[in-house]
């Protein structure tokens, strides 16, 4: 997961990182920066649950 408004690392960094990690995938969090604001919870929480169950 990577915030599309991250002020330190542009989303392209998250995409590149996901390409380098076997089995990883890039999940953009629209409007998020270095935090998880409520508007991204419907994406972030299921992703966190999915990865912890695998």
PDB file of N, CA and C in Angstrom:
ATOM      1  N   UNK A   1       0.847  -1.168   0.000  1.00  0.00           N
ATOM      2  CA  UNK A   1       0.000   0.000   0.000  1.00  0.00           C
ATOM      3  C   UNK A   1       0.892   1.230   0.000  1.00  0.00           C
ATOM      4  N   UNK A   2       0.442   2.212  -0.760  1.00  0.00           N
ATOM      5  CA  UNK A   2       1.215   3.448  -0.850  1.00  0.00           C
ATOM      6  C   UNK A   2       0.260   4.610  -1.100  1.00  0.00           C
ATOM      7  N   UNK A   3       0.393   5.663  -0.325  1.00  0.00           N
ATOM      8  CA  UNK A   3      -0.433   6.842  -0.506  1.00  0.00           C
ATOM      9  C   UNK A   3      -0.109   7.578  -1.792  1.00  0.00           C
ATOM     10  N   UNK A   4      -1.127   7.953  -2.530  1.00  0.00           N
ATOM     11  CA  UNK A   4      -0.911   8.668  -3.788  1.00  0.00           C
ATOM     12  C   UNK A   4      -0.435  10.095  -3.562  1.00  0.00           C
ATOM     13  N   UNK A   5      -0.578  10.600  -2.339  1.00  0.00           N
ATOM     14  CA  UNK A   5      -0.156  11.965  -2.008  1.00  0.00           C
ATOM     15  C   UNK A   5       1.015  11.978  -1.029  1.00  0.00           C
ATOM     16  N   UNK A   6       1.781  10.912  -1.005  1.00  0.00           N
ATOM     17  CA  UNK A   6       2.932  10.817  -0.105  1.00  0.00           C
ATOM     18  C   UNK A   6       3.928  11.925  -0.441  1.00  0.00           C
ATOM     19  N   UNK A   7       4.226  12.820   0.510  1.00  0.00           N
ATOM     20  CA  UNK A   7       5.123  13.928   0.224  1.00  0.00           C
ATOM     21  C   UNK A   7       6.606  13.527   0.186  1.00  0.00           C
ATOM     22  N   UNK A   8       6.934  12.364   0.693  1.00  0.00           N
ATOM     23  CA  UNK A   8       8.339  11.950   0.734  1.00  0.00           C
ATOM     24  C   UNK A   8       8.706  11.022  -0.425  1.00  0.00           C
ATOM     25  N   UNK A   9       7.826  10.092  -0.735  1.00  0.00           N
ATOM     26  CA  UNK A   9       8.094   9.113  -1.789  1.00  0.00           C
ATOM     27  C   UNK A   9       6.908   9.068  -2.740  1.00  0.00           C
ATOM     28  N   UNK A  10       7.151   9.386  -3.977  1.00  0.00           N
ATOM     29  CA  UNK A  10       6.092   9.387  -4.978  1.00  0.00           C
ATOM     30  C   UNK A  10       5.571   7.963  -5.176  1.00  0.00           C
ATOM     31  N   UNK A  11       4.344   7.828  -5.645  1.00  0.00           N
ATOM     32  CA  UNK A  11       3.771   6.494  -5.846  1.00  0.00           C
ATOM     33  C   UNK A  11       4.635   5.572  -6.714  1.00  0.00           C
ATOM     34  N   UNK A  12       5.401   6.135  -7.621  1.00  0.00           N
ATOM     35  CA  UNK A  12       6.265   5.316  -8.464  1.00  0.00           C
ATOM     36  C   UNK A  12       7.260   4.504  -7.640  1.00  0.00           C
ATOM     37  N   UNK A  13       7.644   5.032  -6.490  1.00  0.00           N
ATOM     38  CA  UNK A  13       8.554   4.283  -5.614  1.00  0.00           C
ATOM     39  C   UNK A  13       7.863   3.037  -5.074  1.00  0.00           C
ATOM     40  N   UNK A  14       6.611   3.179  -4.671  1.00  0.00           N
ATOM     41  CA  UNK A  14       5.855   2.026  -4.195  1.00  0.00           C
ATOM     42  C   UNK A  14       5.649   0.993  -5.286  1.00  0.00           C
ATOM     43  N   UNK A  15       5.382   1.451  -6.499  1.00  0.00           N
ATOM     44  CA  UNK A  15       5.215   0.538  -7.632  1.00  0.00           C
ATOM     45  C   UNK A  15       6.513  -0.229  -7.901  1.00  0.00           C
ATOM     46  N   UNK A  16       7.631   0.490  -7.888  1.00  0.00           N
ATOM     47  CA  UNK A  16       8.926  -0.149  -8.135  1.00  0.00           C
ATOM     48  C   UNK A  16       9.255  -1.163  -7.042  1.00  0.00           C
ATOM     49  N   UNK A  17       8.970  -0.823  -5.804  1.00  0.00           N
ATOM     50  CA  UNK A  17       9.229  -1.737  -4.695  1.00  0.00           C
ATOM     51  C   UNK A  17       8.401  -3.009  -4.844  1.00  0.00           C
ATOM     52  N   UNK A  18       7.129  -2.863  -5.186  1.00  0.00           N
ATOM     53  CA  UNK A  18       6.258  -4.026  -5.359  1.00  0.00           C
ATOM     54  C   UNK A  18       6.753  -4.931  -6.483  1.00  0.00           C
ATOM     55  N   UNK A  19       7.304  -4.348  -7.534  1.00  0.00           N
ATOM     56  CA  UNK A  19       7.839  -5.165  -8.639  1.00  0.00           C
ATOM     57  C   UNK A  19       9.039  -5.996  -8.203  1.00  0.00           C
ATOM     58  N   UNK A  20       9.785  -5.515  -7.236  1.00  0.00           N
ATOM     59  CA  UNK A  20      11.006  -6.196  -6.802  1.00  0.00           C
ATOM     60  C   UNK A  20      10.772  -7.263  -5.739  1.00  0.00           C
ATOM     61  N   UNK A  21       9.619  -7.273  -5.108  1.00  0.00           N
ATOM     62  CA  UNK A  21       9.329  -8.233  -4.038  1.00  0.00           C
ATOM     63  C   UNK A  21       8.444  -9.340  -4.596  1.00  0.00           C
ATOM     64  N   UNK A  22       8.940 -10.567  -4.626  1.00  0.00           N
ATOM     65  CA  UNK A  22       8.133 -11.665  -5.155  1.00  0.00           C
ATOM     66  C   UNK A  22       6.789 -11.788  -4.417  1.00  0.00           C
ATOM     67  N   UNK A  23       5.724 -11.864  -5.168  1.00  0.00           N
ATOM     68  CA  UNK A  23       4.396 -12.019  -4.595  1.00  0.00           C
ATOM     69  C   UNK A  23       3.738 -10.732  -4.144  1.00  0.00           C
ATOM     70  N   UNK A  24       4.473  -9.628  -4.188  1.00  0.00           N
ATOM     71  CA  UNK A  24       3.900  -8.342  -3.742  1.00  0.00           C
ATOM     72  C   UNK A  24       3.069  -7.729  -4.855  1.00  0.00           C
ATOM     73  N   UNK A  25       2.185  -6.845  -4.469  1.00  0.00           N
ATOM     74  CA  UNK A  25       1.429  -6.061  -5.441  1.00  0.00           C
ATOM     75  C   UNK A  25       1.271  -4.656  -4.901  1.00  0.00           C
ATOM     76  N   UNK A  26       1.162  -3.730  -5.806  1.00  0.00           N
ATOM     77  CA  UNK A  26       1.026  -2.316  -5.459  1.00  0.00           C
ATOM     78  C   UNK A  26      -0.444  -2.002  -5.241  1.00  0.00           C
ATOM     79  N   UNK A  27      -0.758  -1.416  -4.099  1.00  0.00           N
ATOM     80  CA  UNK A  27      -2.128  -1.001  -3.789  1.00  0.00           C
ATOM     81  C   UNK A  27      -2.095   0.492  -3.485  1.00  0.00           C
ATOM     82  N   UNK A  28      -2.589   1.326  -4.416  1.00  0.00           N
ATOM     83  CA  UNK A  28      -2.591   2.764  -4.155  1.00  0.00           C
ATOM     84  C   UNK A  28      -3.691   3.154  -3.170  1.00  0.00           C
ATOM     85  N   UNK A  29      -3.372   4.080  -2.289  1.00  0.00           N
ATOM     86  CA  UNK A  29      -4.351   4.622  -1.348  1.00  0.00           C
ATOM     87  C   UNK A  29      -4.612   6.062  -1.772  1.00  0.00           C
ATOM     88  N   UNK A  30      -5.698   6.265  -2.491  1.00  0.00           N
ATOM     89  CA  UNK A  30      -6.024   7.560  -3.080  1.00  0.00           C
ATOM     90  C   UNK A  30      -6.179   8.649  -2.015  1.00  0.00           C
ATOM     91  N   UNK A  31      -5.386   9.689  -2.171  1.00  0.00           N
ATOM     92  CA  UNK A  31      -5.472  10.839  -1.285  1.00  0.00           C
ATOM     93  C   UNK A  31      -4.679  10.717   0.007  1.00  0.00           C
ATOM     94  N   UNK A  32      -4.083   9.564   0.253  1.00  0.00           N
ATOM     95  CA  UNK A  32      -3.322   9.373   1.484  1.00  0.00           C
ATOM     96  C   UNK A  32      -1.880   9.822   1.290  1.00  0.00           C
ATOM     97  N   UNK A  33      -1.267  10.229   2.386  1.00  0.00           N
ATOM     98  CA  UNK A  33       0.142  10.590   2.380  1.00  0.00           C
ATOM     99  C   UNK A  33       0.895   9.625   3.265  1.00  0.00           C
ATOM    100  N   UNK A  34       1.374  10.097   4.411  1.00  0.00           N
ATOM    101  CA  UNK A  34       2.095   9.260   5.368  1.00  0.00           C
ATOM    102  C   UNK A  34       1.157   8.763   6.475  1.00  0.00           C
ATOM    103  N   UNK A  35      -0.122   8.839   6.257  1.00  0.00           N
ATOM    104  CA  UNK A  35      -1.112   8.436   7.252  1.00  0.00           C
ATOM    105  C   UNK A  35      -2.191   7.595   6.578  1.00  0.00           C
ATOM    106  N   UNK A  36      -3.078   7.021   7.375  1.00  0.00           N
ATOM    107  CA  UNK A  36      -4.217   6.275   6.853  1.00  0.00           C
ATOM    108  C   UNK A  36      -5.497   6.997   7.259  1.00  0.00           C
ATOM    109  N   UNK A  37      -5.904   8.011   6.492  1.00  0.00           N
ATOM    110  CA  UNK A  37      -7.118   8.737   6.831  1.00  0.00           C
ATOM    111  C   UNK A  37      -8.355   7.869   6.599  1.00  0.00           C
ATOM    112  N   UNK A  38      -9.460   8.190   7.247  1.00  0.00           N
ATOM    113  CA  UNK A  38     -10.670   7.370   7.135  1.00  0.00           C
ATOM    114  C   UNK A  38     -11.111   7.069   5.701  1.00  0.00           C
ATOM    115  N   UNK A  39     -10.855   7.952   4.755  1.00  0.00           N
ATOM    116  CA  UNK A  39     -11.332   7.709   3.391  1.00  0.00           C
ATOM    117  C   UNK A  39     -10.631   6.531   2.706  1.00  0.00           C
ATOM    118  N   UNK A  40      -9.524   6.039   3.252  1.00  0.00           N
ATOM    119  CA  UNK A  40      -8.849   4.885   2.643  1.00  0.00           C
ATOM    120  C   UNK A  40      -9.027   3.602   3.450  1.00  0.00           C
ATOM    121  N   UNK A  41      -9.726   3.667   4.550  1.00  0.00           N
ATOM    122  CA  UNK A  41      -9.891   2.481   5.393  1.00  0.00           C
ATOM    123  C   UNK A  41     -10.570   1.335   4.653  1.00  0.00           C
ATOM    124  N   UNK A  42     -11.528   1.637   3.784  1.00  0.00           N
ATOM    125  CA  UNK A  42     -12.232   0.566   3.080  1.00  0.00           C
ATOM    126  C   UNK A  42     -11.319  -0.195   2.124  1.00  0.00           C
ATOM    127  N   UNK A  43     -10.184   0.370   1.775  1.00  0.00           N
ATOM    128  CA  UNK A  43      -9.175  -0.317   0.962  1.00  0.00           C
ATOM    129  C   UNK A  43      -8.096  -0.906   1.867  1.00  0.00           C
ATOM    130  N   UNK A  44      -7.584  -0.107   2.792  1.00  0.00           N
ATOM    131  CA  UNK A  44      -6.445  -0.512   3.617  1.00  0.00           C
ATOM    132  C   UNK A  44      -6.767  -1.668   4.566  1.00  0.00           C
ATOM    133  N   UNK A  45      -7.879  -1.616   5.243  1.00  0.00           N
ATOM    134  CA  UNK A  45      -8.181  -2.641   6.251  1.00  0.00           C
ATOM    135  C   UNK A  45      -8.323  -4.025   5.627  1.00  0.00           C
ATOM    136  N   UNK A  46      -9.092  -4.195   4.537  1.00  0.00           N
ATOM    137  CA  UNK A  46      -9.139  -5.529   3.926  1.00  0.00           C
ATOM    138  C   UNK A  46      -7.772  -6.013   3.423  1.00  0.00           C
ATOM    139  N   UNK A  47      -6.944  -5.096   2.938  1.00  0.00           N
ATOM    140  CA  UNK A  47      -5.604  -5.490   2.495  1.00  0.00           C
ATOM    141  C   UNK A  47      -4.759  -5.966   3.662  1.00  0.00           C
ATOM    142  N   UNK A  48      -4.840  -5.280   4.781  1.00  0.00           N
ATOM    143  CA  UNK A  48      -4.081  -5.686   5.977  1.00  0.00           C
ATOM    144  C   UNK A  48      -4.567  -7.048   6.455  1.00  0.00           C
ATOM    145  N   UNK A  49      -5.871  -7.241   6.502  1.00  0.00           N
ATOM    146  CA  UNK A  49      -6.422  -8.529   6.935  1.00  0.00           C
ATOM    147  C   UNK A  49      -5.992  -9.645   5.984  1.00  0.00           C
ATOM    148  N   UNK A  50      -6.046  -9.392   4.689  1.00  0.00           N
ATOM    149  CA  UNK A  50      -5.679 -10.418   3.711  1.00  0.00           C
ATOM    150  C   UNK A  50      -4.233 -10.852   3.857  1.00  0.00           C
ATOM    151  N   UNK A  51      -3.337  -9.903   4.049  1.00  0.00           N
ATOM    152  CA  UNK A  51      -1.917 -10.256   4.141  1.00  0.00           C
ATOM    153  C   UNK A  51      -1.589 -10.959   5.454  1.00  0.00           C
ATOM    154  N   UNK A  52      -2.346 -10.671   6.502  1.00  0.00           N
ATOM    155  CA  UNK A  52      -2.067 -11.330   7.778  1.00  0.00           C
ATOM    156  C   UNK A  52      -2.645 -12.737   7.825  1.00  0.00           C
ATOM    157  N   UNK A  53      -3.553 -13.049   6.925  1.00  0.00           N
ATOM    158  CA  UNK A  53      -4.142 -14.390   6.877  1.00  0.00           C
ATOM    159  C   UNK A  53      -3.380 -15.333   5.952  1.00  0.00           C
ATOM    160  N   UNK A  54      -2.471 -14.804   5.169  1.00  0.00           N
ATOM    161  CA  UNK A  54      -1.764 -15.662   4.206  1.00  0.00           C
ATOM    162  C   UNK A  54      -0.490 -16.234   4.783  1.00  0.00           C
TER     163      UNK A  54
END
